[in-house]
Amino acid sequence: MGSGTSLESLNIIMKQLFILLIALACSFVQFSSCDKAKASTEGNNIDKPTEPDRVLRHVVLFQFNDSTTTEDIDKIESSFAALKSKIPEVHDLEWGLNNSPEGLDKGFTHCFFLTFKSEADRDVYLPHPEHQAFVDLVGPHVKDVLVVDYWSD
């Protein structure tokens, strides 16, 4: 009985070792697959969220005088939109009319949204002759203006 028990114990130990080796192999394969998936997505950023480059936003809101005509506003809109093609430091420009149903606009009807890559670019834009010509154009028609600049994250 002594040698039969030893053989039985050895058999149990061998089975346990075999199960342990299979578990380790499965863990290694799973870990290795995760590393490969991670490496493949790191290169192309398909599943990995990326930090966008920070940009400087310049938001301009206009409230026009009651006496400003539709033709005046049309000219102001097109003149502002044209600044992107006239001033290279303007990275992007979009604009639109207020469409909020909340009634909190305080009379501001137009929003112009400019994007700059740096404060230096914005600092070129502000005194730029094309921008100053626009300021001269819009000045007599504006009841109030609100400007906010912020860095996007």
N, C-alpha and C. Protein backbone atom coordinates (compact mmCIF):
# COMPACT_ATOMS: atom_id res chain seq x y z
N MET A 1 0.80 -1.18 0.00
CA MET A 1 0.00 0.00 0.00
C MET A 1 0.85 1.25 0.00
N GLY A 2 2.02 1.18 0.59
CA GLY A 2 2.89 2.32 0.69
C GLY A 2 3.27 2.86 -0.67
N SER A 3 3.65 2.00 -1.60
CA SER A 3 4.06 2.49 -2.93
C SER A 3 2.86 2.92 -3.75
N GLY A 4 1.69 2.30 -3.52
CA GLY A 4 0.48 2.70 -4.25
C GLY A 4 0.03 4.09 -3.85
N THR A 5 0.17 4.41 -2.58
CA THR A 5 -0.21 5.72 -2.09
C THR A 5 0.73 6.78 -2.63
N SER A 6 1.99 6.46 -2.70
CA SER A 6 2.97 7.41 -3.24
C SER A 6 2.69 7.68 -4.70
N LEU A 7 2.38 6.64 -5.41
CA LEU A 7 2.08 6.79 -6.83
C LEU A 7 0.80 7.59 -7.03
N GLU A 8 -0.17 7.35 -6.17
CA GLU A 8 -1.41 8.10 -6.24
C GLU A 8 -1.17 9.58 -5.92
N SER A 9 -0.37 9.85 -4.91
CA SER A 9 -0.05 11.23 -4.54
C SER A 9 0.72 11.91 -5.66
N LEU A 10 1.65 11.19 -6.24
CA LEU A 10 2.42 11.75 -7.36
C LEU A 10 1.51 12.05 -8.53
N ASN A 11 0.57 11.21 -8.81
CA ASN A 11 -0.40 11.41 -9.89
C ASN A 11 -1.23 12.66 -9.64
N ILE A 12 -1.67 12.87 -8.41
CA ILE A 12 -2.47 14.05 -8.05
C ILE A 12 -1.63 15.31 -8.22
N ILE A 13 -0.37 15.25 -7.75
CA ILE A 13 0.53 16.40 -7.88
C ILE A 13 0.76 16.71 -9.35
N MET A 14 0.95 15.69 -10.17
CA MET A 14 1.18 15.89 -11.61
C MET A 14 -0.06 16.53 -12.26
N LYS A 15 -1.25 16.08 -11.90
CA LYS A 15 -2.47 16.68 -12.43
C LYS A 15 -2.58 18.15 -12.03
N GLN A 16 -2.25 18.43 -10.75
CA GLN A 16 -2.32 19.81 -10.27
C GLN A 16 -1.30 20.70 -11.00
N LEU A 17 -0.10 20.15 -11.21
CA LEU A 17 0.92 20.89 -11.96
C LEU A 17 0.47 21.12 -13.40
N PHE A 18 -0.13 20.14 -14.02
CA PHE A 18 -0.62 20.26 -15.39
C PHE A 18 -1.70 21.34 -15.48
N ILE A 19 -2.62 21.34 -14.53
CA ILE A 19 -3.68 22.35 -14.49
C ILE A 19 -3.07 23.73 -14.27
N LEU A 20 -2.09 23.82 -13.37
CA LEU A 20 -1.42 25.08 -13.11
C LEU A 20 -0.70 25.59 -14.37
N LEU A 21 -0.02 24.69 -15.08
CA LEU A 21 0.67 25.08 -16.32
C LEU A 21 -0.32 25.56 -17.38
N ILE A 22 -1.45 24.89 -17.50
CA ILE A 22 -2.48 25.32 -18.47
C ILE A 22 -3.01 26.69 -18.09
N ALA A 23 -3.26 26.91 -16.79
CA ALA A 23 -3.76 28.21 -16.33
C ALA A 23 -2.73 29.30 -16.60
N LEU A 24 -1.47 29.02 -16.34
CA LEU A 24 -0.41 29.99 -16.62
C LEU A 24 -0.31 30.28 -18.11
N ALA A 25 -0.39 29.25 -18.92
CA ALA A 25 -0.31 29.44 -20.37
C ALA A 25 -1.49 30.28 -20.87
N CYS A 26 -2.68 30.01 -20.36
CA CYS A 26 -3.85 30.79 -20.75
C CYS A 26 -3.69 32.24 -20.31
N SER A 27 -3.19 32.44 -19.11
CA SER A 27 -2.97 33.82 -18.63
C SER A 27 -1.96 34.53 -19.50
N PHE A 28 -0.88 33.83 -19.87
CA PHE A 28 0.15 34.44 -20.71
C PHE A 28 -0.42 34.81 -22.08
N VAL A 29 -1.20 33.91 -22.67
CA VAL A 29 -1.80 34.20 -23.98
C VAL A 29 -2.73 35.39 -23.88
N GLN A 30 -3.55 35.43 -22.84
CA GLN A 30 -4.48 36.55 -22.67
C GLN A 30 -3.71 37.84 -22.44
N PHE A 31 -2.69 37.83 -21.60
CA PHE A 31 -1.87 39.01 -21.32
C PHE A 31 -1.16 39.46 -22.58
N SER A 32 -0.61 38.51 -23.31
CA SER A 32 0.11 38.83 -24.55
C SER A 32 -0.84 39.43 -25.58
N SER A 33 -2.06 38.92 -25.68
CA SER A 33 -3.04 39.46 -26.62
C SER A 33 -3.42 40.88 -26.25
N CYS A 34 -3.56 41.15 -24.96
CA CYS A 34 -3.89 42.50 -24.51
C CYS A 34 -2.78 43.47 -24.87
N ASP A 35 -1.51 43.03 -24.68
CA ASP A 35 -0.39 43.90 -25.03
C ASP A 35 -0.34 44.18 -26.52
N LYS A 36 -0.63 43.15 -27.34
CA LYS A 36 -0.62 43.35 -28.79
C LYS A 36 -1.74 44.29 -29.20
N ALA A 37 -2.92 44.13 -28.61
CA ALA A 37 -4.04 45.02 -28.93
C ALA A 37 -3.72 46.44 -28.51
N LYS A 38 -3.11 46.57 -27.35
CA LYS A 38 -2.75 47.90 -26.87
C LYS A 38 -1.72 48.53 -27.80
N ALA A 39 -0.73 47.76 -28.18
CA ALA A 39 0.31 48.29 -29.07
C ALA A 39 -0.27 48.68 -30.42
N SER A 40 -1.21 47.89 -30.93
CA SER A 40 -1.76 48.22 -32.25
C SER A 40 -2.63 49.46 -32.20
N THR A 41 -3.32 49.71 -31.09
CA THR A 41 -4.15 50.91 -31.02
C THR A 41 -3.35 52.14 -30.65
N GLU A 42 -2.20 51.94 -30.00
CA GLU A 42 -1.39 53.11 -29.65
C GLU A 42 -0.85 53.78 -30.90
N GLY A 43 -0.52 52.99 -31.90
CA GLY A 43 0.04 53.56 -33.12
C GLY A 43 -0.96 54.33 -33.95
N ASN A 44 -2.20 53.86 -34.00
CA ASN A 44 -3.18 54.52 -34.86
C ASN A 44 -4.28 55.26 -34.11
N ASN A 45 -4.27 55.18 -32.80
CA ASN A 45 -5.22 55.90 -31.96
C ASN A 45 -6.68 55.62 -32.29
N ILE A 46 -6.98 54.41 -32.74
CA ILE A 46 -8.36 54.07 -33.07
C ILE A 46 -9.23 54.06 -31.82
N ASP A 47 -8.78 53.36 -30.79
CA ASP A 47 -9.59 53.24 -29.58
C ASP A 47 -9.08 54.10 -28.44
N LYS A 48 -7.95 54.69 -28.62
CA LYS A 48 -7.35 55.46 -27.54
C LYS A 48 -7.74 56.92 -27.67
N PRO A 49 -8.40 57.49 -26.65
CA PRO A 49 -8.73 58.91 -26.74
C PRO A 49 -7.46 59.74 -26.73
N THR A 50 -7.44 60.76 -27.56
CA THR A 50 -6.25 61.59 -27.64
C THR A 50 -6.56 62.97 -27.10
N GLU A 51 -5.55 63.62 -26.61
CA GLU A 51 -5.67 65.00 -26.15
C GLU A 51 -5.55 65.90 -27.37
N PRO A 52 -6.58 66.66 -27.68
CA PRO A 52 -6.44 67.56 -28.82
C PRO A 52 -5.47 68.68 -28.48
N ASP A 53 -4.87 69.25 -29.49
CA ASP A 53 -4.00 70.40 -29.25
C ASP A 53 -4.85 71.52 -28.70
N ARG A 54 -4.32 72.22 -27.73
CA ARG A 54 -5.05 73.34 -27.16
C ARG A 54 -5.06 74.48 -28.16
N VAL A 55 -6.19 75.13 -28.26
CA VAL A 55 -6.32 76.29 -29.13
C VAL A 55 -7.00 77.41 -28.34
N LEU A 56 -6.77 78.62 -28.81
CA LEU A 56 -7.35 79.79 -28.16
C LEU A 56 -8.63 80.16 -28.90
N ARG A 57 -9.73 80.21 -28.17
CA ARG A 57 -11.03 80.59 -28.73
C ARG A 57 -11.29 82.07 -28.45
N HIS A 58 -11.83 82.74 -29.43
CA HIS A 58 -12.15 84.17 -29.33
C HIS A 58 -13.62 84.29 -29.74
N VAL A 59 -14.48 84.54 -28.76
CA VAL A 59 -15.92 84.58 -28.97
C VAL A 59 -16.37 86.04 -28.97
N VAL A 60 -17.08 86.44 -30.03
CA VAL A 60 -17.56 87.81 -30.16
C VAL A 60 -19.08 87.77 -30.34
N LEU A 61 -19.80 88.46 -29.46
CA LEU A 61 -21.26 88.54 -29.54
C LEU A 61 -21.66 89.99 -29.84
N PHE A 62 -22.57 90.15 -30.79
CA PHE A 62 -23.04 91.49 -31.17
C PHE A 62 -24.51 91.67 -30.84
N GLN A 63 -24.81 92.86 -30.36
CA GLN A 63 -26.18 93.34 -30.22
C GLN A 63 -26.26 94.59 -31.10
N PHE A 64 -27.09 94.54 -32.11
CA PHE A 64 -27.15 95.64 -33.08
C PHE A 64 -28.15 96.72 -32.66
N ASN A 65 -27.89 97.92 -33.12
CA ASN A 65 -28.82 99.03 -32.92
C ASN A 65 -30.14 98.73 -33.62
N ASP A 66 -31.21 99.27 -33.10
CA ASP A 66 -32.53 99.09 -33.73
C ASP A 66 -32.55 99.68 -35.14
N SER A 67 -31.75 100.69 -35.37
CA SER A 67 -31.74 101.36 -36.68
C SER A 67 -30.90 100.63 -37.73
N THR A 68 -30.17 99.59 -37.33
CA THR A 68 -29.33 98.85 -38.27
C THR A 68 -30.22 98.04 -39.21
N THR A 69 -29.98 98.19 -40.51
CA THR A 69 -30.81 97.53 -41.52
C THR A 69 -30.34 96.10 -41.77
N THR A 70 -31.19 95.34 -42.41
CA THR A 70 -30.84 93.97 -42.81
C THR A 70 -29.64 93.99 -43.75
N GLU A 71 -29.59 94.96 -44.65
CA GLU A 71 -28.47 95.08 -45.58
C GLU A 71 -27.17 95.36 -44.83
N ASP A 72 -27.23 96.21 -43.80
CA ASP A 72 -26.05 96.49 -42.98
C ASP A 72 -25.56 95.21 -42.30
N ILE A 73 -26.49 94.47 -41.74
CA ILE A 73 -26.13 93.23 -41.04
C ILE A 73 -25.55 92.21 -42.02
N ASP A 74 -26.13 92.10 -43.21
CA ASP A 74 -25.59 91.19 -44.22
C ASP A 74 -24.14 91.54 -44.56
N LYS A 75 -23.87 92.82 -44.70
CA LYS A 75 -22.52 93.27 -45.03
C LYS A 75 -21.57 92.98 -43.86
N ILE A 76 -22.03 93.18 -42.64
CA ILE A 76 -21.21 92.90 -41.45
C ILE A 76 -20.90 91.40 -41.36
N GLU A 77 -21.91 90.57 -41.57
CA GLU A 77 -21.70 89.12 -41.53
C GLU A 77 -20.66 88.68 -42.55
N SER A 78 -20.81 89.12 -43.79
CA SER A 78 -19.87 88.69 -44.83
C SER A 78 -18.48 89.27 -44.61
N SER A 79 -18.40 90.49 -44.09
CA SER A 79 -17.09 91.10 -43.81
C SER A 79 -16.36 90.37 -42.69
N PHE A 80 -17.10 89.99 -41.65
CA PHE A 80 -16.46 89.25 -40.56
C PHE A 80 -16.00 87.89 -41.05
N ALA A 81 -16.86 87.19 -41.77
CA ALA A 81 -16.51 85.86 -42.27
C ALA A 81 -15.28 85.90 -43.19
N ALA A 82 -15.11 87.01 -43.91
CA ALA A 82 -13.98 87.14 -44.84
C ALA A 82 -12.64 87.32 -44.12
N LEU A 83 -12.67 87.63 -42.84
CA LEU A 83 -11.42 87.85 -42.11
C LEU A 83 -10.53 86.60 -42.10
N LYS A 84 -11.14 85.43 -42.12
CA LYS A 84 -10.34 84.19 -42.12
C LYS A 84 -9.44 84.11 -43.34
N SER A 85 -9.93 84.53 -44.48
CA SER A 85 -9.10 84.46 -45.69
C SER A 85 -8.13 85.64 -45.80
N LYS A 86 -8.35 86.67 -45.02
CA LYS A 86 -7.50 87.86 -45.10
C LYS A 86 -6.41 87.91 -44.03
N ILE A 87 -6.61 87.16 -42.95
CA ILE A 87 -5.64 87.18 -41.85
C ILE A 87 -5.20 85.74 -41.58
N PRO A 88 -3.98 85.39 -42.01
CA PRO A 88 -3.52 84.00 -41.91
C PRO A 88 -3.49 83.45 -40.48
N GLU A 89 -3.36 84.30 -39.50
CA GLU A 89 -3.30 83.84 -38.11
C GLU A 89 -4.64 83.30 -37.59
N VAL A 90 -5.73 83.60 -38.29
CA VAL A 90 -7.03 83.05 -37.91
C VAL A 90 -7.06 81.59 -38.38
N HIS A 91 -7.00 80.68 -37.42
CA HIS A 91 -6.98 79.25 -37.75
C HIS A 91 -8.35 78.77 -38.24
N ASP A 92 -9.40 79.26 -37.60
CA ASP A 92 -10.75 78.87 -38.01
C ASP A 92 -11.71 79.98 -37.59
N LEU A 93 -12.82 80.06 -38.31
CA LEU A 93 -13.84 81.07 -38.00
C LEU A 93 -15.19 80.50 -38.37
N GLU A 94 -16.11 80.60 -37.45
CA GLU A 94 -17.49 80.22 -37.73
C GLU A 94 -18.39 81.24 -37.05
N TRP A 95 -19.61 81.30 -37.51
CA TRP A 95 -20.53 82.26 -36.89
C TRP A 95 -21.96 81.78 -37.09
N GLY A 96 -22.85 82.36 -36.30
CA GLY A 96 -24.25 82.01 -36.44
C GLY A 96 -25.13 82.96 -35.67
N LEU A 97 -26.43 82.80 -35.90
CA LEU A 97 -27.44 83.62 -35.23
C LEU A 97 -27.93 82.91 -33.97
N ASN A 98 -28.24 83.68 -32.95
CA ASN A 98 -28.76 83.10 -31.73
C ASN A 98 -30.03 82.30 -32.03
N ASN A 99 -30.09 81.12 -31.46
CA ASN A 99 -31.23 80.23 -31.67
C ASN A 99 -31.70 79.65 -30.33
N SER A 100 -31.31 80.27 -29.24
CA SER A 100 -31.66 79.74 -27.92
C SER A 100 -33.10 80.08 -27.55
N PRO A 101 -33.85 79.09 -27.09
CA PRO A 101 -35.22 79.35 -26.67
C PRO A 101 -35.30 79.87 -25.23
N GLU A 102 -34.17 80.01 -24.54
CA GLU A 102 -34.18 80.36 -23.12
C GLU A 102 -34.49 81.83 -22.84
N GLY A 103 -34.30 82.69 -23.84
CA GLY A 103 -34.57 84.10 -23.63
C GLY A 103 -33.54 84.79 -22.74
N LEU A 104 -32.33 84.28 -22.72
CA LEU A 104 -31.28 84.84 -21.87
C LEU A 104 -30.20 85.55 -22.69
N ASP A 105 -30.49 85.86 -23.94
CA ASP A 105 -29.48 86.42 -24.85
C ASP A 105 -29.18 87.88 -24.62
N LYS A 106 -30.01 88.57 -23.84
CA LYS A 106 -29.84 89.99 -23.52
C LYS A 106 -29.69 90.86 -24.78
N GLY A 107 -30.34 90.44 -25.85
CA GLY A 107 -30.32 91.22 -27.08
C GLY A 107 -29.17 90.91 -28.02
N PHE A 108 -28.27 90.01 -27.63
CA PHE A 108 -27.17 89.62 -28.51
C PHE A 108 -27.72 88.62 -29.53
N THR A 109 -27.54 88.93 -30.79
CA THR A 109 -28.12 88.11 -31.85
C THR A 109 -27.10 87.32 -32.66
N HIS A 110 -25.87 87.81 -32.73
CA HIS A 110 -24.84 87.20 -33.58
C HIS A 110 -23.65 86.74 -32.74
N CYS A 111 -23.18 85.53 -33.03
CA CYS A 111 -22.00 84.99 -32.37
C CYS A 111 -20.96 84.68 -33.43
N PHE A 112 -19.78 85.23 -33.28
CA PHE A 112 -18.65 84.93 -34.14
C PHE A 112 -17.60 84.22 -33.28
N PHE A 113 -17.10 83.10 -33.79
CA PHE A 113 -16.26 82.21 -33.01
C PHE A 113 -14.98 81.97 -33.79
N LEU A 114 -13.88 82.59 -33.33
CA LEU A 114 -12.60 82.47 -34.01
C LEU A 114 -11.68 81.56 -33.21
N THR A 115 -10.83 80.85 -33.91
CA THR A 115 -9.86 79.97 -33.28
C THR A 115 -8.46 80.40 -33.69
N PHE A 116 -7.60 80.49 -32.68
CA PHE A 116 -6.19 80.82 -32.90
C PHE A 116 -5.34 79.72 -32.29
N LYS A 117 -4.17 79.49 -32.86
CA LYS A 117 -3.26 78.48 -32.32
C LYS A 117 -2.43 79.00 -31.15
N SER A 118 -2.39 80.32 -31.00
CA SER A 118 -1.59 80.89 -29.92
C SER A 118 -2.08 82.29 -29.58
N GLU A 119 -1.66 82.77 -28.43
CA GLU A 119 -1.97 84.15 -28.06
C GLU A 119 -1.26 85.12 -29.01
N ALA A 120 -0.09 84.72 -29.48
CA ALA A 120 0.65 85.56 -30.43
C ALA A 120 -0.16 85.74 -31.71
N ASP A 121 -0.82 84.68 -32.18
CA ASP A 121 -1.66 84.80 -33.38
C ASP A 121 -2.83 85.74 -33.13
N ARG A 122 -3.45 85.60 -31.96
CA ARG A 122 -4.54 86.51 -31.62
C ARG A 122 -4.04 87.95 -31.55
N ASP A 123 -2.84 88.11 -31.01
CA ASP A 123 -2.27 89.45 -30.87
C ASP A 123 -1.90 90.07 -32.21
N VAL A 124 -1.69 89.26 -33.23
CA VAL A 124 -1.50 89.77 -34.60
C VAL A 124 -2.86 90.18 -35.17
N TYR A 125 -3.88 89.38 -34.90
CA TYR A 125 -5.22 89.61 -35.43
C TYR A 125 -5.83 90.93 -34.93
N LEU A 126 -5.74 91.17 -33.63
CA LEU A 126 -6.45 92.32 -33.05
C LEU A 126 -6.10 93.66 -33.71
N PRO A 127 -4.82 94.01 -33.88
CA PRO A 127 -4.52 95.29 -34.52
C PRO A 127 -4.38 95.21 -36.04
N HIS A 128 -4.60 94.02 -36.60
CA HIS A 128 -4.42 93.83 -38.04
C HIS A 128 -5.30 94.83 -38.81
N PRO A 129 -4.78 95.42 -39.88
CA PRO A 129 -5.56 96.42 -40.64
C PRO A 129 -6.91 95.89 -41.15
N GLU A 130 -6.99 94.62 -41.52
CA GLU A 130 -8.27 94.05 -41.99
C GLU A 130 -9.27 93.97 -40.84
N HIS A 131 -8.79 93.60 -39.66
CA HIS A 131 -9.67 93.55 -38.50
C HIS A 131 -10.10 94.96 -38.10
N GLN A 132 -9.18 95.89 -38.14
CA GLN A 132 -9.52 97.28 -37.78
C GLN A 132 -10.52 97.88 -38.77
N ALA A 133 -10.40 97.52 -40.05
CA ALA A 133 -11.38 97.98 -41.05
C ALA A 133 -12.76 97.41 -40.73
N PHE A 134 -12.79 96.15 -40.27
CA PHE A 134 -14.07 95.56 -39.86
C PHE A 134 -14.64 96.29 -38.65
N VAL A 135 -13.80 96.58 -37.67
CA VAL A 135 -14.24 97.30 -36.47
C VAL A 135 -14.85 98.64 -36.87
N ASP A 136 -14.21 99.34 -37.81
CA ASP A 136 -14.75 100.62 -38.29
C ASP A 136 -16.10 100.43 -38.98
N LEU A 137 -16.24 99.33 -39.72
CA LEU A 137 -17.49 99.05 -40.43
C LEU A 137 -18.63 98.76 -39.43
N VAL A 138 -18.37 97.93 -38.45
CA VAL A 138 -19.42 97.47 -37.53
C VAL A 138 -19.73 98.51 -36.44
N GLY A 139 -18.75 99.32 -36.08
CA GLY A 139 -18.88 100.25 -34.97
C GLY A 139 -20.18 101.03 -34.90
N PRO A 140 -20.58 101.72 -35.98
CA PRO A 140 -21.81 102.52 -35.92
C PRO A 140 -23.10 101.70 -35.77
N HIS A 141 -23.02 100.41 -35.97
CA HIS A 141 -24.22 99.56 -35.96
C HIS A 141 -24.38 98.75 -34.68
N VAL A 142 -23.39 98.79 -33.82
CA VAL A 142 -23.40 97.93 -32.64
C VAL A 142 -23.87 98.68 -31.41
N LYS A 143 -24.91 98.13 -30.80
CA LYS A 143 -25.40 98.67 -29.53
C LYS A 143 -24.51 98.19 -28.39
N ASP A 144 -24.10 96.91 -28.48
CA ASP A 144 -23.22 96.34 -27.46
C ASP A 144 -22.44 95.18 -28.08
N VAL A 145 -21.29 94.92 -27.53
CA VAL A 145 -20.45 93.80 -27.97
C VAL A 145 -19.88 93.13 -26.72
N LEU A 146 -19.77 91.83 -26.79
CA LEU A 146 -19.21 91.05 -25.69
C LEU A 146 -18.14 90.14 -26.29
N VAL A 147 -16.94 90.17 -25.71
CA VAL A 147 -15.84 89.34 -26.20
C VAL A 147 -15.31 88.51 -25.05
N VAL A 148 -15.14 87.21 -25.31
CA VAL A 148 -14.57 86.29 -24.33
C VAL A 148 -13.53 85.45 -25.04
N ASP A 149 -12.34 85.36 -24.46
CA ASP A 149 -11.29 84.47 -24.97
C ASP A 149 -11.03 83.40 -23.95
N TYR A 150 -10.78 82.17 -24.41
CA TYR A 150 -10.44 81.09 -23.49
C TYR A 150 -9.63 80.03 -24.22
N TRP A 151 -8.85 79.29 -23.46
CA TRP A 151 -8.09 78.16 -23.98
C TRP A 151 -8.95 76.91 -23.91
N SER A 152 -9.04 76.19 -25.02
CA SER A 152 -9.77 74.92 -24.99
C SER A 152 -8.87 73.85 -24.36
N ASP A 153 -9.49 72.84 -23.81
CA ASP A 153 -8.73 71.73 -23.22
C ASP A 153 -8.92 70.47 -23.97
